Amino acid sequence: MRTELIIGSSLFLSLFSAHGLAAKHCVEADLAFSGNIYTANDHFPKANHLAIKDNKIAAVSLEPIKLCDGARHFRLKQGAIFPGFNDAHVHLKGIGYREKNLNLQGINSLAETMQAVADHAKANPDAPWVVGRGWIEKVWPEKRFPTLADIDAIVSDRPAYLKRADGHSALANSVALKLAGIDKNSRAPNGGAIEKNSDGELTGLLVDNAMALVEKLIPENTRADDKDALARGLARNVQLGWTQTQNAGGSWNDLQLLQELQKEGRLAHRVYYALSQGDNADTLLNKGAQLDDRHWISARGIKLYSDGALGSRGAALIEPYHDAKGKGLLLIDEQTIMPILEKALRRGIQIQTHAIGDLANRLVLDWYEKAFRKVPREEWALANPRWRIEHSQNITPEDQDRFKQLGVIPSMQPSHAIGDLHFAPDRLGKTRLQHAYPWQSLLDKGLIIAGGSDAPVEIGDPRIEFYAASIRKDTRGFQTKGWHPELAVSRDNALKMFTLWPAYAAFEENLRGSIEVGKLADLTIFDRDIMMVPEEQILQANVLFTVVDGNIAYQKP
């Protein structure tokens, strides 16, 4: 009988007799798990036992590991153990505020949404504003956007502002519009739209940069509010099985709040942080990457925006929308972005640019390529800067090739596809759908995909993201005609999209992302084997344990 045991080094694999070294010597461990283990390591993909010492994987084995006294040992009768799931694109504070405030996500009709707003307004009579987020018309039976008449009928005594789930459009009531000085003759700022109906009257909808006209009037949250929201977001995430999230744009103040939470022992999971375009990004460019020796909080990225969202027709397209005039909105230009890109290359700062439409993706690739050529390689702070395009939803075949040629990482959120399938065919038309959410096409070209959720735009549940990537149907099992099921990925690759590949996108593939000896002990453990169960059961899996840095951050009651 032989035991396959990995111990000491992730590059060292030895075969021992069960009666030899493995049987005679115990493994020092604090925590151990036995069960069905998927390692995301192609050289040793399956195991049955693992041991953790301090904050690292101490041993991984197909056969039982002889543990020294003192280890807590959990034996799973069902389910599976995975490397810690990693969300490559979230808005952490937004998740927390979604929990704190009026959450309109998951409501299945316009009527029910307006009722939720009415209930919230009634329950908070002293709140100066009614503010909410999360509505999304694509699942409503009414099949339309909410209007000024809808919201005015519910809230007329104070300003109301309801942000769509994607964060790229919002509904304001008449009181809020009047406070902002917006009427039917108002002109939208560049990169924004003030929507009007066929009679030229305001609909209440503001898109992208026009939203700031109202948002600047909303009373600011306090520092304590922000800190509480971040803590709530962190706590929610570990309950769902996330061991790291990558914050796609935030402030320097929020980064400091996260560092405070870490010192207080309230940072529930690891955070890879990008600073938002503007003053916050400038601060990072001047200070340089902020790296944590214990790998809890790292800040080395800048988040930029090139266009809007597909649902609100703000995504920038090469050809006009299939269901409306116009080609979307561009939110940045070459003159603005190039100095940022050149300085980032010299400072070792990762660029993460939001691009959804095929035109936006093409332009961002153009700008990246120009920066790579303009800055001599000997001046690059990182030989492999690992710049990313966030969302990468609609990409022409020739531009898909350029991702590979330029070494650009597509950072994609599978849940967008299974939500957008209800309206994207109308927006894009049949031809462009072939190149929308093209996960498998990108993998076929030799790329990796950093998988994320974009919460609070989407629910932010790793089960939904894994299901969407590998099944490519909505959560009710529906897949619209012509939705290209061949672009779904295998479950093995879906696992890597949320473990190993986000680690690579954060420069951490040697630290985490797979279950290997010497790597950080981050694990996500479900009560069902999502690699093997029928597709409809993936969403029924529950988190048994979330292990972060060798400690149980969450255990199912």
Protein backbone atom coordinates (compact mmCIF):
# COMPACT_ATOMS: atom_id res chain seq x y z
CA MET A 1 0.00 0.00 0.00
CA ARG A 2 1.35 3.42 -0.91
CA THR A 3 0.47 6.86 0.37
CA GLU A 4 0.73 9.94 -1.84
CA LEU A 5 1.68 12.76 0.47
CA ILE A 6 2.70 16.33 -0.28
CA ILE A 7 4.50 17.93 2.62
CA GLY A 8 6.98 20.75 3.17
CA SER A 9 7.05 22.33 -0.28
CA SER A 10 4.45 22.79 -2.98
CA LEU A 11 7.08 21.66 -5.50
CA PHE A 12 7.98 18.46 -3.61
CA LEU A 13 5.96 15.31 -4.27
CA SER A 14 6.98 12.04 -2.64
CA LEU A 15 5.55 8.54 -2.50
CA PHE A 16 5.87 6.83 0.82
CA SER A 17 4.98 3.35 2.04
CA ALA A 18 2.14 3.41 4.54
CA HIS A 19 4.49 1.58 6.86
CA GLY A 20 7.37 3.97 6.20
CA LEU A 21 7.94 7.62 6.87
CA ALA A 22 4.29 8.66 6.57
CA ALA A 23 3.24 6.07 9.14
CA LYS A 24 6.05 6.79 11.64
CA HIS A 25 6.03 10.59 11.67
CA CYS A 26 3.07 12.76 12.53
CA VAL A 27 2.26 16.10 10.94
CA GLU A 28 2.08 19.13 13.20
CA ALA A 29 -1.27 20.80 12.53
CA ASP A 30 -3.77 23.14 14.11
CA LEU A 31 -6.65 22.21 11.83
CA ALA A 32 -7.34 19.31 9.47
CA PHE A 33 -10.08 18.32 7.05
CA SER A 34 -10.92 15.02 5.42
CA GLY A 35 -13.34 14.68 2.55
CA ASN A 36 -13.61 15.24 -1.16
CA ILE A 37 -10.95 17.87 -1.96
CA TYR A 38 -10.53 19.73 -5.25
CA THR A 39 -7.15 21.44 -5.23
CA ALA A 40 -7.23 23.52 -8.49
CA ASN A 41 -3.67 22.22 -8.93
CA ASP A 42 -3.35 20.43 -12.27
CA HIS A 43 -0.41 18.34 -10.99
CA PHE A 44 -2.43 16.97 -8.07
CA PRO A 45 -6.10 17.81 -8.74
CA LYS A 46 -7.84 15.61 -6.13
CA ALA A 47 -7.10 14.76 -2.53
CA ASN A 48 -8.89 13.39 0.49
CA HIS A 49 -7.02 14.90 3.42
CA LEU A 50 -5.31 18.18 4.28
CA ALA A 51 -3.68 19.68 7.32
CA ILE A 52 -3.14 23.32 8.29
CA LYS A 53 -0.40 24.67 10.53
CA ASP A 54 -0.50 28.32 11.56
CA ASN A 55 -1.87 30.03 8.45
CA LYS A 56 -0.59 27.69 5.74
CA ILE A 57 -1.32 24.33 4.18
CA ALA A 58 1.01 21.84 5.89
CA ALA A 59 0.05 18.63 4.06
CA VAL A 60 -2.26 17.39 1.30
CA SER A 61 -2.80 13.70 0.72
CA LEU A 62 -4.93 11.04 -0.96
CA GLU A 63 -4.39 8.77 2.04
CA PRO A 64 -4.95 9.62 5.73
CA ILE A 65 -2.42 11.96 7.30
CA LYS A 66 -1.08 10.97 10.68
CA LEU A 67 -1.66 14.07 12.79
CA CYS A 68 0.23 15.00 15.91
CA ASP A 69 -1.80 15.62 19.04
CA GLY A 70 -3.73 18.86 19.24
CA ALA A 71 -5.19 19.20 15.76
CA ARG A 72 -8.90 19.86 15.28
CA HIS A 73 -9.97 17.36 12.64
CA PHE A 74 -13.20 17.69 10.66
CA ARG A 75 -14.38 14.74 8.55
CA LEU A 76 -16.93 15.52 5.85
CA LYS A 77 -19.48 12.82 5.10
CA GLN A 78 -20.70 14.77 2.08
CA GLY A 79 -19.92 17.91 0.13
CA ALA A 80 -16.51 19.07 -1.01
CA ILE A 81 -13.53 21.19 -0.04
CA PHE A 82 -12.18 23.87 -2.41
CA PRO A 83 -9.49 26.53 -2.43
CA GLY A 84 -10.89 29.72 -0.94
CA PHE A 85 -13.28 31.37 -3.39
CA ASN A 86 -12.09 34.78 -4.55
CA ASP A 87 -14.38 37.46 -6.02
CA ALA A 88 -12.30 39.39 -8.54
CA HIS A 89 -14.70 42.34 -8.84
CA VAL A 90 -16.86 43.77 -6.06
CA HIS A 91 -17.80 47.09 -4.53
CA LEU A 92 -17.42 46.22 -0.88
CA LYS A 93 -18.91 49.32 0.71
CA GLY A 94 -21.85 49.13 -1.67
CA ILE A 95 -22.57 45.60 -0.44
CA GLY A 96 -22.66 46.89 3.12
CA TYR A 97 -24.89 49.82 2.32
CA ARG A 98 -27.21 47.50 0.41
CA GLU A 99 -27.60 45.61 3.69
CA LYS A 100 -28.05 48.82 5.71
CA ASN A 101 -30.40 50.75 3.45
CA LEU A 102 -33.31 50.12 1.09
CA ASN A 103 -32.35 46.99 -0.83
CA LEU A 104 -34.42 46.62 -4.01
CA GLN A 105 -32.52 43.60 -5.31
CA GLY A 106 -34.39 40.40 -6.04
CA ILE A 107 -37.83 42.06 -6.31
CA ASN A 108 -39.66 40.59 -9.25
CA SER A 109 -42.03 43.33 -10.40
CA LEU A 110 -42.28 47.09 -10.68
CA ALA A 111 -45.37 47.09 -8.47
CA GLU A 112 -43.58 45.19 -5.71
CA THR A 113 -40.57 47.50 -6.04
CA MET A 114 -42.70 50.59 -5.58
CA GLN A 115 -44.41 48.94 -2.61
CA ALA A 116 -41.01 48.31 -1.02
CA VAL A 117 -40.16 51.99 -1.51
CA ALA A 118 -43.47 53.02 0.05
CA ASP A 119 -42.91 50.72 3.05
CA HIS A 120 -39.40 52.08 3.57
CA ALA A 121 -40.55 55.70 3.33
CA LYS A 122 -43.31 55.04 5.86
CA ALA A 123 -40.93 53.27 8.25
CA ASN A 124 -38.41 56.15 8.05
CA PRO A 125 -40.53 59.32 8.20
CA ASP A 126 -37.67 61.47 9.49
CA ALA A 127 -35.15 60.49 6.80
CA PRO A 128 -34.52 63.59 4.65
CA TRP A 129 -34.13 61.45 1.51
CA VAL A 130 -35.49 58.10 0.36
CA VAL A 131 -32.47 56.34 -1.14
CA GLY A 132 -32.32 52.77 -2.44
CA ARG A 133 -30.50 50.53 -4.84
CA GLY A 134 -30.95 47.27 -6.68
CA TRP A 135 -33.98 47.52 -8.97
CA ILE A 136 -33.66 45.89 -12.36
CA GLU A 137 -36.46 45.95 -14.88
CA LYS A 138 -35.28 43.00 -16.97
CA VAL A 139 -37.03 40.49 -14.68
CA TRP A 140 -40.24 42.48 -14.21
CA PRO A 141 -43.47 41.41 -15.95
CA GLU A 142 -44.08 45.09 -16.77
CA LYS A 143 -41.03 44.94 -19.10
CA ARG A 144 -40.25 48.63 -18.81
CA PHE A 145 -38.18 51.11 -16.85
CA PRO A 146 -39.81 52.85 -13.87
CA THR A 147 -40.92 56.40 -14.54
CA LEU A 148 -41.26 59.75 -12.83
CA ALA A 149 -44.99 59.09 -12.45
CA ASP A 150 -44.29 55.79 -10.69
CA ILE A 151 -42.00 57.28 -8.06
CA ASP A 152 -43.93 60.53 -7.60
CA ALA A 153 -47.02 58.50 -6.76
CA ILE A 154 -45.09 56.88 -3.92
CA VAL A 155 -42.86 59.69 -2.60
CA SER A 156 -43.81 63.32 -3.10
CA ASP A 157 -42.95 64.92 0.27
CA ARG A 158 -39.13 64.65 -0.01
CA PRO A 159 -36.46 63.76 -2.56
CA ALA A 160 -36.19 60.12 -3.63
CA TYR A 161 -33.37 58.50 -5.56
CA LEU A 162 -33.35 54.83 -6.58
CA LYS A 163 -30.23 53.48 -8.24
CA ARG A 164 -30.48 50.65 -10.75
CA ALA A 165 -28.58 47.50 -9.78
CA ASP A 166 -25.78 48.16 -12.26
CA GLY A 167 -25.08 51.58 -10.74
CA HIS A 168 -25.14 53.24 -14.17
CA SER A 169 -28.62 54.73 -14.04
CA ALA A 170 -31.07 55.91 -11.41
CA LEU A 171 -34.64 57.06 -10.98
CA ALA A 172 -35.19 60.42 -9.26
CA ASN A 173 -38.53 61.87 -8.21
CA SER A 174 -39.70 65.38 -9.05
CA VAL A 175 -38.55 66.82 -5.73
CA ALA A 176 -34.99 65.55 -6.29
CA LEU A 177 -34.93 66.77 -9.90
CA LYS A 178 -36.13 70.22 -8.85
CA LEU A 179 -33.49 70.44 -6.13
CA ALA A 180 -30.86 69.57 -8.75
CA GLY A 181 -32.20 72.21 -11.14
CA ILE A 182 -33.07 69.61 -13.77
CA ASP A 183 -35.97 70.29 -16.11
CA LYS A 184 -36.89 69.24 -19.63
CA ASN A 185 -34.58 71.87 -21.09
CA SER A 186 -31.52 70.76 -19.10
CA ARG A 187 -28.50 69.47 -20.98
CA ALA A 188 -26.72 66.40 -19.71
CA PRO A 189 -23.03 66.56 -18.89
CA ASN A 190 -20.57 64.75 -21.13
CA GLY A 191 -20.78 61.01 -20.57
CA GLY A 192 -24.32 61.22 -19.20
CA ALA A 193 -27.95 61.35 -20.25
CA ILE A 194 -31.12 62.94 -18.89
CA GLU A 195 -33.81 60.69 -20.31
CA LYS A 196 -36.97 62.16 -21.85
CA ASN A 197 -40.04 60.58 -23.37
CA SER A 198 -41.35 61.05 -26.90
CA ASP A 199 -43.07 64.27 -25.81
CA GLY A 200 -39.80 65.70 -24.52
CA GLU A 201 -40.81 65.38 -20.87
CA LEU A 202 -38.52 64.07 -18.15
CA THR A 203 -38.85 60.36 -17.36
CA GLY A 204 -36.94 60.65 -14.08
CA LEU A 205 -34.10 58.45 -15.35
CA LEU A 206 -30.53 59.72 -15.19
CA VAL A 207 -27.68 57.80 -16.82
CA ASP A 208 -24.00 57.70 -15.85
CA ASN A 209 -22.45 61.17 -15.41
CA ALA A 210 -25.87 62.83 -15.18
CA MET A 211 -26.48 60.97 -11.93
CA ALA A 212 -23.96 63.21 -10.17
CA LEU A 213 -26.33 66.16 -10.58
CA VAL A 214 -28.56 64.60 -7.92
CA GLU A 215 -26.08 62.48 -5.98
CA LYS A 216 -24.06 65.52 -4.91
CA LEU A 217 -27.13 66.73 -3.02
CA ILE A 218 -27.69 63.55 -0.99
CA PRO A 219 -26.45 63.98 2.60
CA GLU A 220 -23.03 62.38 2.95
CA ASN A 221 -22.59 59.29 5.04
CA THR A 222 -20.41 59.66 8.09
CA ARG A 223 -17.07 57.93 8.54
CA ALA A 224 -18.74 55.66 11.10
CA ASP A 225 -21.45 54.80 8.56
CA ASP A 226 -18.82 53.88 5.99
CA LYS A 227 -16.90 51.73 8.45
CA ASP A 228 -20.06 49.92 9.49
CA ALA A 229 -20.99 49.31 5.86
CA LEU A 230 -17.56 47.83 5.13
CA ALA A 231 -17.79 45.56 8.17
CA ARG A 232 -21.26 44.40 7.13
CA GLY A 233 -20.06 43.65 3.62
CA LEU A 234 -17.10 41.64 4.91
CA ALA A 235 -19.27 39.63 7.30
CA ARG A 236 -21.82 38.84 4.60
CA ASN A 237 -19.13 37.70 2.19
CA VAL A 238 -17.56 35.10 4.47
CA GLN A 239 -20.98 33.63 5.16
CA LEU A 240 -21.28 33.09 1.42
CA GLY A 241 -17.87 31.43 1.18
CA TRP A 242 -15.66 34.25 -0.11
CA THR A 243 -12.15 34.30 1.37
CA GLN A 244 -10.97 37.32 -0.61
CA THR A 245 -12.68 40.04 -2.58
CA GLN A 246 -11.07 42.46 -5.00
CA ASN A 247 -12.55 45.90 -4.52
CA ALA A 248 -13.06 47.48 -7.94
CA GLY A 249 -12.54 51.12 -7.10
CA GLY A 250 -12.74 52.96 -3.80
CA SER A 251 -11.38 55.86 -1.81
CA TRP A 252 -8.18 56.24 0.18
CA ASN A 253 -10.36 56.85 3.25
CA ASP A 254 -12.10 53.51 2.79
CA LEU A 255 -8.74 51.79 2.44
CA GLN A 256 -7.75 53.27 5.80
CA LEU A 257 -11.06 52.09 7.31
CA LEU A 258 -10.31 48.56 6.14
CA GLN A 259 -6.87 48.79 7.74
CA GLU A 260 -8.55 49.90 10.97
CA LEU A 261 -10.89 46.91 10.82
CA GLN A 262 -7.87 44.67 10.35
CA LYS A 263 -6.19 46.09 13.47
CA GLU A 264 -9.44 45.58 15.39
CA GLY A 265 -9.68 41.95 14.26
CA ARG A 266 -12.82 42.65 12.22
CA LEU A 267 -11.46 42.17 8.71
CA ALA A 268 -13.33 38.95 7.97
CA HIS A 269 -11.55 38.15 4.69
CA ARG A 270 -8.66 39.33 2.54
CA VAL A 271 -9.05 42.39 0.31
CA TYR A 272 -7.22 43.33 -2.89
CA TYR A 273 -7.96 47.01 -3.38
CA ALA A 274 -8.08 49.36 -6.37
CA LEU A 275 -8.36 53.12 -5.97
CA SER A 276 -10.93 55.02 -8.01
CA GLN A 277 -10.08 57.29 -10.92
CA GLY A 278 -9.26 60.83 -9.80
CA ASP A 279 -7.60 62.10 -6.63
CA ASN A 280 -7.62 58.67 -4.97
CA ALA A 281 -5.83 57.08 -7.93
CA ASP A 282 -3.35 59.97 -7.99
CA THR A 283 -2.53 59.29 -4.35
CA LEU A 284 -1.68 55.66 -5.10
CA LEU A 285 0.40 56.63 -8.13
CA ASN A 286 2.40 58.99 -5.93
CA LYS A 287 2.75 56.71 -2.90
CA GLY A 288 3.19 53.44 -4.83
CA ALA A 289 1.66 50.04 -4.13
CA GLN A 290 0.55 49.43 -0.55
CA LEU A 291 1.40 45.82 0.20
CA ASP A 292 0.73 43.88 3.41
CA ASP A 293 3.32 41.32 4.51
CA ARG A 294 0.54 39.09 5.82
CA HIS A 295 -1.44 39.50 2.60
CA TRP A 296 -4.67 40.70 4.22
CA ILE A 297 -4.97 44.05 2.42
CA SER A 298 -3.05 44.96 -0.72
CA ALA A 299 -3.64 48.10 -2.77
CA ARG A 300 -1.85 48.24 -6.11
CA GLY A 301 -4.60 48.93 -8.64
CA ILE A 302 -6.43 51.87 -10.22
CA LYS A 303 -10.01 51.62 -11.45
CA LEU A 304 -10.88 53.59 -14.60
CA TYR A 305 -14.16 53.82 -16.55
CA SER A 306 -14.46 53.87 -20.33
CA ASP A 307 -18.21 53.44 -20.87
CA GLY A 308 -21.56 52.72 -19.22
CA ALA A 309 -23.74 49.61 -18.96
CA LEU A 310 -25.60 47.62 -21.58
CA GLY A 311 -28.96 47.60 -19.83
CA SER A 312 -29.21 51.39 -19.76
CA ARG A 313 -27.71 51.59 -23.29
CA GLY A 314 -24.62 53.32 -21.99
CA ALA A 315 -22.16 50.66 -23.16
CA ALA A 316 -20.15 52.05 -26.08
CA LEU A 317 -20.73 50.02 -29.26
CA ILE A 318 -19.03 50.08 -32.66
CA GLU A 319 -22.39 49.91 -34.44
CA PRO A 320 -25.70 51.36 -33.16
CA TYR A 321 -27.86 49.49 -30.70
CA HIS A 322 -30.16 46.95 -32.30
CA ASP A 323 -33.22 48.27 -30.45
CA ALA A 324 -32.54 52.03 -30.34
CA LYS A 325 -30.60 54.84 -31.91
CA GLY A 326 -27.19 55.71 -30.57
CA LYS A 327 -23.97 53.86 -29.79
CA GLY A 328 -23.69 54.44 -26.04
CA LEU A 329 -21.44 56.66 -23.96
CA LEU A 330 -17.69 57.10 -23.65
CA LEU A 331 -16.63 58.25 -20.19
CA ILE A 332 -12.93 58.88 -20.80
CA ASP A 333 -10.74 59.88 -23.73
CA GLU A 334 -7.18 59.18 -24.84
CA GLN A 335 -5.85 62.55 -23.73
CA THR A 336 -7.06 61.90 -20.17
CA ILE A 337 -6.07 58.26 -19.83
CA MET A 338 -2.62 58.15 -21.40
CA PRO A 339 -0.70 60.05 -18.68
CA ILE A 340 -2.29 57.75 -16.09
CA LEU A 341 -1.29 54.62 -17.99
CA GLU A 342 2.29 55.78 -18.53
CA LYS A 343 2.81 56.67 -14.89
CA ALA A 344 1.21 53.39 -13.75
CA LEU A 345 3.68 51.39 -15.86
CA ARG A 346 6.61 53.20 -14.28
CA ARG A 347 5.19 52.88 -10.75
CA GLY A 348 4.14 49.22 -10.86
CA ILE A 349 0.43 50.00 -10.52
CA GLN A 350 -2.13 47.70 -12.10
CA ILE A 351 -4.77 49.29 -14.34
CA GLN A 352 -8.33 47.97 -14.16
CA THR A 353 -10.60 49.64 -16.72
CA HIS A 354 -14.35 49.15 -16.95
CA ALA A 355 -15.31 48.34 -20.54
CA ILE A 356 -18.55 46.64 -21.58
CA GLY A 357 -19.27 47.54 -25.21
CA ASP A 358 -17.16 46.30 -28.11
CA LEU A 359 -16.04 49.85 -28.93
CA ALA A 360 -15.01 50.48 -25.32
CA ASN A 361 -13.00 47.25 -25.21
CA ARG A 362 -11.29 48.12 -28.49
CA LEU A 363 -10.36 51.62 -27.36
CA VAL A 364 -9.03 50.43 -24.01
CA LEU A 365 -6.86 47.84 -25.78
CA ASP A 366 -5.65 50.60 -28.13
CA TRP A 367 -4.70 52.81 -25.19
CA TYR A 368 -2.99 49.98 -23.30
CA GLU A 369 -1.00 49.08 -26.42
CA LYS A 370 0.08 52.69 -26.95
CA ALA A 371 1.25 52.93 -23.34
CA PHE A 372 3.18 49.65 -23.61
CA ARG A 373 4.94 50.96 -26.72
CA LYS A 374 5.54 54.48 -25.46
CA VAL A 375 7.17 53.55 -22.15
CA PRO A 376 10.46 51.68 -22.71
CA ARG A 377 10.39 48.23 -21.11
CA GLU A 378 13.42 49.00 -18.98
CA GLU A 379 11.28 51.68 -17.31
CA TRP A 380 8.46 49.27 -16.43
CA ALA A 381 8.38 48.62 -12.69
CA LEU A 382 6.84 45.18 -13.36
CA ALA A 383 7.88 42.94 -16.24
CA ASN A 384 4.31 41.63 -16.33
CA PRO A 385 1.98 44.47 -15.28
CA ARG A 386 -1.15 42.27 -15.55
CA TRP A 387 -3.46 45.08 -16.61
CA ARG A 388 -7.10 44.14 -16.69
CA ILE A 389 -10.32 45.04 -18.44
CA GLU A 390 -13.25 44.79 -16.08
CA HIS A 391 -16.42 43.19 -17.48
CA SER A 392 -15.14 42.60 -21.04
CA GLN A 393 -18.69 41.70 -22.04
CA ASN A 394 -18.74 42.34 -25.79
CA ILE A 395 -15.51 41.77 -27.70
CA THR A 396 -14.99 41.31 -31.43
CA PRO A 397 -12.96 38.21 -32.41
CA GLU A 398 -9.99 40.32 -33.52
CA ASP A 399 -9.96 42.15 -30.20
CA GLN A 400 -10.20 38.85 -28.32
CA ASP A 401 -6.89 37.96 -29.96
CA ARG A 402 -5.42 41.26 -28.77
CA PHE A 403 -6.13 40.39 -25.14
CA LYS A 404 -3.73 37.49 -25.55
CA GLN A 405 -1.17 39.44 -27.57
CA LEU A 406 -1.02 42.26 -25.02
CA GLY A 407 -1.20 40.08 -21.90
CA VAL A 408 -4.41 41.78 -20.74
CA ILE A 409 -6.58 39.89 -18.24
CA PRO A 410 -10.34 39.77 -18.87
CA SER A 411 -12.04 40.23 -15.51
CA MET A 412 -15.59 38.97 -16.06
CA GLN A 413 -18.72 38.39 -14.00
CA PRO A 414 -20.74 35.37 -15.19
CA SER A 415 -23.93 36.44 -13.42
CA HIS A 416 -24.17 39.43 -15.77
CA ALA A 417 -24.72 37.03 -18.65
CA ILE A 418 -27.52 35.04 -17.04
CA GLY A 419 -29.28 38.26 -16.12
CA ASP A 420 -28.59 40.06 -19.37
CA LEU A 421 -29.90 37.16 -21.45
CA HIS A 422 -33.36 38.65 -20.88
CA PHE A 423 -32.52 41.88 -22.76
CA ALA A 424 -29.08 41.58 -24.43
CA PRO A 425 -30.47 39.98 -27.62
CA ASP A 426 -32.59 43.09 -28.10
CA ARG A 427 -29.69 45.44 -27.39
CA LEU A 428 -27.08 43.65 -29.50
CA GLY A 429 -28.88 41.68 -32.20
CA LYS A 430 -28.10 38.15 -33.34
CA THR A 431 -24.67 38.74 -34.89
CA ARG A 432 -23.08 40.48 -31.91
CA LEU A 433 -24.42 37.86 -29.49
CA GLN A 434 -21.83 35.44 -30.86
CA HIS A 435 -19.14 37.55 -29.20
CA ALA A 436 -20.95 38.51 -25.98
CA TYR A 437 -19.80 37.10 -22.64
CA PRO A 438 -17.36 34.92 -24.63
CA TRP A 439 -15.78 32.97 -21.77
CA GLN A 440 -14.90 29.78 -23.62
CA SER A 441 -13.68 31.68 -26.67
CA LEU A 442 -11.18 33.52 -24.48
CA LEU A 443 -10.04 30.30 -22.80
CA ASP A 444 -9.57 28.71 -26.23
CA LYS A 445 -7.16 31.53 -27.06
CA GLY A 446 -5.04 30.67 -24.03
CA LEU A 447 -6.31 33.40 -21.72
CA ILE A 448 -7.37 33.09 -18.12
CA ILE A 449 -10.47 34.79 -16.74
CA ALA A 450 -10.60 36.44 -13.33
CA GLY A 451 -14.16 35.69 -12.25
CA GLY A 452 -16.15 38.08 -10.10
CA SER A 453 -19.69 39.04 -9.15
CA ASP A 454 -19.83 42.87 -9.35
CA ALA A 455 -21.86 42.91 -6.13
CA PRO A 456 -23.93 44.88 -5.26
CA VAL A 457 -24.80 45.12 -8.96
CA GLU A 458 -25.49 41.38 -8.73
CA ILE A 459 -26.25 39.24 -5.68
CA GLY A 460 -22.60 38.41 -5.01
CA ASP A 461 -23.05 34.67 -4.35
CA PRO A 462 -20.24 32.30 -5.41
CA ARG A 463 -22.75 29.54 -6.16
CA ILE A 464 -24.55 31.75 -8.67
CA GLU A 465 -21.28 32.78 -10.31
CA PHE A 466 -20.03 29.18 -10.59
CA TYR A 467 -23.41 28.07 -11.94
CA ALA A 468 -23.57 30.93 -14.46
CA ALA A 469 -20.06 30.25 -15.76
CA SER A 470 -20.56 26.50 -16.21
CA ILE A 471 -24.29 26.27 -17.03
CA ARG A 472 -25.00 29.65 -18.72
CA LYS A 473 -28.68 29.61 -17.79
CA ASP A 474 -30.57 31.89 -15.46
CA THR A 475 -31.26 30.68 -11.95
CA ARG A 476 -34.61 29.22 -13.05
CA GLY A 477 -32.92 27.08 -15.69
CA PHE A 478 -33.95 29.30 -18.61
CA GLN A 479 -31.67 30.00 -21.56
CA THR A 480 -33.00 32.18 -24.36
CA LYS A 481 -32.68 31.11 -27.98
CA GLY A 482 -29.33 31.92 -29.54
CA TRP A 483 -27.58 32.42 -26.20
CA HIS A 484 -24.60 30.30 -27.29
CA PRO A 485 -24.40 27.54 -24.69
CA GLU A 486 -21.05 26.54 -26.21
CA LEU A 487 -19.52 29.60 -24.54
CA ALA A 488 -20.06 28.11 -21.08
CA VAL A 489 -16.93 26.70 -19.44
CA SER A 490 -16.24 23.37 -17.78
CA ARG A 491 -16.74 23.11 -14.04
CA ASP A 492 -12.99 22.64 -13.63
CA ASN A 493 -12.39 25.97 -15.34
CA ALA A 494 -15.28 27.62 -13.50
CA LEU A 495 -13.53 26.64 -10.27
CA LYS A 496 -10.30 28.24 -11.44
CA MET A 497 -12.22 31.38 -12.45
CA PHE A 498 -12.96 31.91 -8.75
CA THR A 499 -9.81 30.56 -7.13
CA LEU A 500 -6.51 30.33 -8.99
CA TRP A 501 -7.10 32.87 -11.74
CA PRO A 502 -8.23 35.76 -9.50
CA ALA A 503 -5.13 35.04 -7.42
CA TYR A 504 -3.03 35.47 -10.56
CA ALA A 505 -4.89 38.69 -11.40
CA ALA A 506 -3.88 39.97 -7.95
CA PHE A 507 -0.21 38.87 -8.28
CA GLU A 508 -0.84 36.20 -5.64
CA GLU A 509 -0.84 32.88 -7.48
CA ASN A 510 2.18 31.71 -5.47
CA LEU A 511 0.38 32.50 -2.23
CA ARG A 512 -3.17 31.29 -2.72
CA GLY A 513 -5.74 30.10 -5.24
CA SER A 514 -5.00 26.36 -5.01
CA ILE A 515 -4.61 23.82 -2.22
CA GLU A 516 -0.86 23.23 -2.16
CA VAL A 517 1.63 22.84 0.64
CA GLY A 518 3.07 26.18 1.68
CA LYS A 519 0.19 28.25 0.33
CA LEU A 520 -2.06 30.29 2.56
CA ALA A 521 -4.78 28.23 4.21
CA ASP A 522 -7.93 29.70 2.66
CA LEU A 523 -10.74 27.21 2.01
CA THR A 524 -14.38 27.20 0.98
CA ILE A 525 -16.31 24.08 1.98
CA PHE A 526 -19.80 23.30 0.65
CA ASP A 527 -22.24 20.61 1.79
CA ARG A 528 -22.64 19.47 -1.83
CA ASP A 529 -20.05 18.62 -4.42
CA ILE A 530 -20.73 21.39 -6.92
CA MET A 531 -18.33 19.74 -9.39
CA MET A 532 -20.52 16.65 -9.70
CA VAL A 533 -24.13 17.32 -8.67
CA PRO A 534 -26.84 17.87 -11.31
CA GLU A 535 -26.80 21.50 -12.45
CA GLU A 536 -29.97 22.48 -10.61
CA GLN A 537 -28.41 21.40 -7.30
CA ILE A 538 -25.41 23.75 -7.55
CA LEU A 539 -27.52 26.64 -6.28
CA GLN A 540 -28.78 24.51 -3.38
CA ALA A 541 -25.31 24.00 -1.90
CA ASN A 542 -24.70 25.56 1.51
CA VAL A 543 -21.45 26.80 2.97
CA LEU A 544 -20.26 24.58 5.82
CA PHE A 545 -16.98 26.39 6.51
CA THR A 546 -15.12 29.44 5.29
CA VAL A 547 -11.49 29.22 6.37
CA VAL A 548 -9.31 32.34 6.08
CA ASP A 549 -5.65 32.40 7.05
CA GLY A 550 -5.94 29.05 8.78
CA ASN A 551 -8.87 30.10 10.98
CA ILE A 552 -12.55 29.28 10.68
CA ALA A 553 -14.08 32.62 9.69
CA TYR A 554 -17.55 31.13 9.28
CA GLN A 555 -19.11 27.81 10.25
CA LYS A 556 -22.66 26.88 9.42
CA PRO A 557 -24.70 26.86 12.66
